[in-house]
Amino acid sequence: MTNDEPKQPGSVTAALLIIGDEILSGRTQDRNIGHIANVLSEAGISLREVRIVPDVECEIIDAVNSLRRRYRYLFTTGGIGPTHDDITTDAIGRAFGVAVNEDERAVEAMRKHAPDAKLSGRRMRMARIPEGATLVDNIVSGAPGYMLENVIVMAGIPRIMQAMMQAVLPRLEKGRKIAARQVRVDAPEGDVAPGLAALQTAFPSVQIGSYPFYEEGSVGTYVVLRSVEPSDLTRALEDLWSLIAEQGFAASDADDGKK
């Protein structure tokens, strides 16, 4: 496997591939991105990209091969259920050029979770695993996800996905924890932006984002600073407060509400 992910000191990066026609059609609203981003951030893994693709094998293969080479980890959600349109596993197998077969480990996990349940032909589709993959436990419904090299394949159902995330997390390389601070500025984003550009230039190790808000007829901007370098984050925050004072903006610390 080659990896051409963006390099930063202490950085471990990831991408998320969401698979499913139901997401693209609007029938189902994604509820996984925020959870995955938060869990990864706490582990010092930076989620850099999210893509959504339909249940089309060639599009899944293209996206998997592109993202797994660019980032340290690729997480996928969706398409590993028991129905005919759950084609993620076959696409993963073809992306890696490996066979996909019924895996006795997966069958045992499903039987252990529900010993009295009949493993029908459809349910047995969820026991098909690409050759060389390790299983990711699913304490909610038994049918496992799996990890093949740096690709982690998980269910799309939020509760099951969350269980799989917790199961796979100990296996992952952790980066330096990403710290964040946010400041509420009671001024339009256009007024705040020029000073932020200079601040970003001065602190390249700090990600600085601005996010407008509209509340009760007033407009303002949340400024969010994120970095794996605590000292740089502190200095950037100090300079941000100096900038706010120079411009005469009303502002407050959005992390604790203090003025």
Protein backbone atom coordinates (compact mmCIF):
# COMPACT_ATOMS: atom_id res chain seq x y z
CA MET A 1 0.00 0.00 0.00
CA THR A 2 1.27 3.45 -0.90
CA ASN A 3 0.18 6.45 1.11
CA ASP A 4 0.34 10.04 -0.08
CA GLU A 5 -1.59 11.64 2.79
CA PRO A 6 -0.78 15.24 3.70
CA LYS A 7 2.11 15.30 6.18
CA GLN A 8 2.10 17.28 9.42
CA PRO A 9 4.10 16.60 12.57
CA GLY A 10 2.16 14.23 14.81
CA SER A 11 -0.65 13.95 12.29
CA VAL A 12 -2.67 10.79 11.65
CA THR A 13 -5.29 11.35 9.00
CA ALA A 14 -8.47 9.62 7.93
CA ALA A 15 -11.26 9.77 5.38
CA LEU A 16 -14.85 8.59 5.56
CA LEU A 17 -16.70 7.00 2.64
CA ILE A 18 -20.47 6.90 3.04
CA ILE A 19 -22.09 4.33 0.76
CA GLY A 20 -25.77 4.29 -0.11
CA ASP A 21 -28.39 5.50 -2.57
CA GLU A 22 -30.65 6.34 0.38
CA ILE A 23 -28.26 9.05 1.57
CA LEU A 24 -27.93 10.65 -1.86
CA SER A 25 -31.70 10.56 -2.45
CA GLY A 26 -32.41 12.28 0.86
CA ARG A 27 -34.54 9.40 2.10
CA THR A 28 -32.11 8.81 4.96
CA GLN A 29 -30.25 11.57 6.80
CA ASP A 30 -26.67 10.72 7.71
CA ARG A 31 -26.12 10.61 11.48
CA ASN A 32 -22.62 9.16 11.48
CA ILE A 33 -20.26 11.91 10.31
CA GLY A 34 -20.35 13.95 13.52
CA HIS A 35 -19.88 10.93 15.77
CA ILE A 36 -16.97 9.58 13.76
CA ALA A 37 -15.29 12.99 13.58
CA ASN A 38 -15.57 13.45 17.36
CA VAL A 39 -14.26 9.97 18.19
CA LEU A 40 -11.32 10.35 15.82
CA SER A 41 -10.49 13.82 17.08
CA GLU A 42 -10.33 12.52 20.65
CA ALA A 43 -7.91 9.85 19.43
CA GLY A 44 -5.69 12.38 17.69
CA ILE A 45 -6.83 11.30 14.23
CA SER A 46 -7.83 14.08 11.87
CA LEU A 47 -10.82 13.44 9.61
CA ARG A 48 -9.79 15.19 6.40
CA GLU A 49 -12.36 14.14 3.83
CA VAL A 50 -15.89 12.74 3.55
CA ARG A 51 -17.32 11.33 0.33
CA ILE A 52 -20.74 9.91 -0.46
CA VAL A 53 -21.17 7.40 -3.28
CA PRO A 54 -24.18 5.41 -4.52
CA ASP A 55 -24.60 1.65 -4.44
CA VAL A 56 -22.64 1.32 -7.66
CA GLU A 57 -19.71 -1.08 -7.50
CA CYS A 58 -17.31 0.75 -9.81
CA GLU A 59 -17.84 4.03 -7.95
CA ILE A 60 -17.22 2.36 -4.59
CA ILE A 61 -14.05 0.71 -5.90
CA ASP A 62 -12.71 3.97 -7.35
CA ALA A 63 -13.39 5.88 -4.13
CA VAL A 64 -11.89 3.17 -1.90
CA ASN A 65 -8.70 2.94 -3.94
CA SER A 66 -8.30 6.71 -4.07
CA LEU A 67 -8.91 7.38 -0.39
CA ARG A 68 -7.03 4.42 1.10
CA ARG A 69 -3.87 5.55 -0.65
CA ARG A 70 -4.22 9.17 0.36
CA TYR A 71 -4.96 8.79 4.09
CA ARG A 72 -3.68 6.68 6.95
CA TYR A 73 -7.16 5.23 7.50
CA LEU A 74 -10.32 4.97 5.46
CA PHE A 75 -13.61 4.28 7.22
CA THR A 76 -16.67 3.19 5.26
CA THR A 77 -20.28 3.05 6.40
CA GLY A 78 -23.20 1.32 4.74
CA GLY A 79 -23.80 -1.54 2.36
CA ILE A 80 -22.87 -4.57 4.47
CA GLY A 81 -26.39 -5.75 5.30
CA PRO A 82 -28.34 -8.81 4.08
CA THR A 83 -30.09 -7.39 0.99
CA HIS A 84 -29.28 -7.50 -2.72
CA ASP A 85 -28.12 -3.87 -2.81
CA ASP A 86 -25.58 -4.37 -0.02
CA ILE A 87 -22.59 -4.60 -2.33
CA THR A 88 -19.85 -2.93 -0.27
CA THR A 89 -18.06 -6.17 0.63
CA ASP A 90 -17.83 -7.34 -2.97
CA ALA A 91 -16.54 -3.90 -3.97
CA ILE A 92 -13.90 -3.97 -1.21
CA GLY A 93 -12.76 -7.40 -2.37
CA ARG A 94 -12.37 -6.18 -5.93
CA ALA A 95 -10.62 -2.97 -4.81
CA PHE A 96 -7.97 -5.10 -3.10
CA GLY A 97 -8.01 -7.91 -5.66
CA VAL A 98 -8.90 -10.58 -3.09
CA ALA A 99 -11.61 -13.23 -2.86
CA VAL A 100 -14.73 -12.77 -0.75
CA ASN A 101 -15.96 -15.88 1.03
CA GLU A 102 -18.20 -16.95 3.88
CA ASP A 103 -16.02 -16.59 6.97
CA GLU A 104 -16.45 -19.09 9.78
CA ARG A 105 -15.34 -16.48 12.32
CA ALA A 106 -18.20 -14.23 11.24
CA VAL A 107 -20.67 -17.13 11.28
CA GLU A 108 -19.59 -18.01 14.83
CA ALA A 109 -19.97 -14.39 15.96
CA MET A 110 -23.50 -14.28 14.57
CA ARG A 111 -24.44 -17.61 16.15
CA LYS A 112 -23.00 -16.57 19.48
CA HIS A 113 -25.03 -13.36 19.48
CA ALA A 114 -28.32 -15.11 18.64
CA PRO A 115 -27.93 -18.87 19.18
CA ASP A 116 -31.60 -19.61 18.52
CA ALA A 117 -31.89 -17.53 15.37
CA LYS A 118 -31.91 -19.18 11.98
CA LEU A 119 -29.06 -18.02 9.79
CA SER A 120 -30.94 -17.73 6.52
CA GLY A 121 -29.33 -17.28 3.15
CA ARG A 122 -29.81 -13.53 3.38
CA ARG A 123 -28.33 -13.27 6.84
CA MET A 124 -25.39 -15.35 5.74
CA ARG A 125 -24.52 -12.59 3.27
CA MET A 126 -23.30 -10.68 6.32
CA ALA A 127 -20.78 -13.45 7.05
CA ARG A 128 -18.99 -12.88 3.74
CA ILE A 129 -15.60 -11.28 4.43
CA PRO A 130 -12.73 -10.38 2.07
CA GLU A 131 -9.71 -12.65 2.32
CA GLY A 132 -7.08 -11.32 4.74
CA ALA A 133 -9.43 -9.07 6.71
CA THR A 134 -9.68 -9.07 10.50
CA LEU A 135 -13.13 -8.83 12.06
CA VAL A 136 -14.51 -5.82 13.90
CA ASP A 137 -16.86 -6.89 16.68
CA ASN A 138 -20.51 -5.88 16.65
CA ILE A 139 -22.00 -6.28 20.13
CA VAL A 140 -25.36 -4.90 18.98
CA SER A 141 -26.46 -7.42 16.35
CA GLY A 142 -23.58 -9.87 15.95
CA ALA A 143 -22.79 -9.45 12.25
CA PRO A 144 -19.24 -8.07 12.25
CA GLY A 145 -17.52 -5.35 10.31
CA TYR A 146 -13.93 -5.85 9.25
CA MET A 147 -10.58 -4.20 8.69
CA LEU A 148 -8.45 -4.88 5.60
CA GLU A 149 -5.07 -3.12 5.70
CA ASN A 150 -6.03 0.50 6.48
CA VAL A 151 -9.70 0.24 5.47
CA ILE A 152 -12.32 -0.18 8.22
CA VAL A 153 -15.72 -1.30 6.95
CA MET A 154 -18.68 -0.61 9.23
CA ALA A 155 -22.47 -0.72 9.17
CA GLY A 156 -24.48 2.38 8.34
CA ILE A 157 -26.97 2.01 11.20
CA PRO A 158 -25.71 4.55 13.76
CA ARG A 159 -26.00 2.37 16.87
CA ILE A 160 -24.14 -0.51 15.22
CA MET A 161 -21.55 1.79 13.65
CA GLN A 162 -20.82 3.32 17.05
CA ALA A 163 -20.25 -0.12 18.56
CA MET A 164 -17.88 -1.01 15.73
CA MET A 165 -15.96 2.25 16.17
CA GLN A 166 -15.36 1.46 19.82
CA ALA A 167 -14.26 -2.07 18.92
CA VAL A 168 -11.72 -1.01 16.30
CA LEU A 169 -10.35 2.08 18.03
CA PRO A 170 -7.71 0.25 20.15
CA ARG A 171 -6.11 -1.12 16.96
CA LEU A 172 -5.54 2.27 15.37
CA GLU A 173 -2.41 4.37 15.42
CA LYS A 174 -3.07 7.46 17.48
CA GLY A 175 -1.77 10.92 16.71
CA ARG A 176 -1.19 13.86 18.97
CA LYS A 177 -4.47 15.00 20.44
CA ILE A 178 -6.08 17.89 18.63
CA ALA A 179 -6.97 20.74 20.99
CA ALA A 180 -9.60 23.32 20.06
CA ARG A 181 -10.75 26.70 21.33
CA GLN A 182 -13.63 28.81 20.07
CA VAL A 183 -14.48 32.48 20.46
CA ARG A 184 -17.80 34.15 19.72
CA VAL A 185 -17.35 37.50 17.99
CA ASP A 186 -20.40 39.76 17.71
CA ALA A 187 -19.52 41.05 14.26
CA PRO A 188 -20.23 39.88 10.69
CA GLU A 189 -17.82 37.35 9.24
CA GLY A 190 -16.79 39.80 6.51
CA ASP A 191 -15.57 42.27 9.15
CA VAL A 192 -13.64 39.61 11.07
CA ALA A 193 -12.11 37.82 8.07
CA PRO A 194 -9.22 40.18 7.13
CA GLY A 195 -7.57 39.88 10.53
CA LEU A 196 -8.01 36.10 10.56
CA ALA A 197 -6.13 35.76 7.28
CA ALA A 198 -3.08 37.44 8.81
CA LEU A 199 -3.43 35.33 11.94
CA GLN A 200 -3.48 32.13 9.88
CA THR A 201 -0.31 33.19 8.08
CA ALA A 202 1.41 33.81 11.42
CA PHE A 203 0.38 30.41 12.83
CA PRO A 204 0.47 27.76 10.07
CA SER A 205 0.27 24.93 12.63
CA VAL A 206 -3.13 26.19 13.83
CA GLN A 207 -6.26 25.58 11.78
CA ILE A 208 -8.39 28.73 11.99
CA GLY A 209 -11.99 28.63 10.84
CA SER A 210 -14.78 31.20 10.93
CA TYR A 211 -18.46 30.29 11.03
CA PRO A 212 -21.22 32.91 10.78
CA PHE A 213 -24.32 32.71 12.96
CA TYR A 214 -27.67 34.45 13.02
CA GLU A 215 -29.46 34.76 16.35
CA GLU A 216 -32.51 36.89 17.17
CA GLY A 217 -31.86 39.33 14.37
CA SER A 218 -28.15 39.76 15.08
CA VAL A 219 -25.22 38.40 13.14
CA GLY A 220 -21.88 37.21 14.43
CA THR A 221 -19.00 34.84 13.89
CA TYR A 222 -17.62 31.87 15.76
CA VAL A 223 -13.86 31.61 15.36
CA VAL A 224 -12.49 28.11 15.98
CA LEU A 225 -8.79 27.37 16.47
CA ARG A 226 -7.50 23.78 16.32
CA SER A 227 -3.97 22.43 16.66
CA VAL A 228 -1.82 19.57 17.92
CA GLU A 229 0.68 22.18 19.19
CA PRO A 230 -0.63 23.49 22.55
CA SER A 231 1.84 26.36 22.76
CA ASP A 232 1.01 27.57 19.24
CA LEU A 233 -2.70 27.32 20.01
CA THR A 234 -2.24 29.44 23.14
CA ARG A 235 -0.26 32.11 21.32
CA ALA A 236 -2.71 32.21 18.42
CA LEU A 237 -5.60 32.59 20.85
CA GLU A 238 -3.81 35.47 22.60
CA ASP A 239 -3.25 37.20 19.26
CA LEU A 240 -6.89 36.64 18.34
CA TRP A 241 -8.00 38.43 21.52
CA SER A 242 -5.59 41.27 20.71
CA LEU A 243 -7.07 41.51 17.23
CA ILE A 244 -10.59 41.58 18.63
CA ALA A 245 -9.63 44.37 21.04
CA GLU A 246 -7.97 46.41 18.28
CA GLN A 247 -11.05 46.16 16.08
CA GLY A 248 -13.38 46.99 18.96
CA PHE A 249 -15.52 43.89 18.53
CA ALA A 250 -17.64 42.53 21.38
CA ALA A 251 -16.64 38.92 21.99
CA SER A 252 -16.80 36.09 24.49
CA ASP A 253 -15.06 32.79 25.12
CA ALA A 254 -17.49 30.31 23.59
CA ASP A 255 -15.91 27.43 25.53
CA ASP A 256 -16.91 28.74 28.92
CA GLY A 257 -19.08 31.80 28.30
CA LYS A 258 -16.71 34.24 29.97
CA LYS A 259 -16.38 37.75 28.58
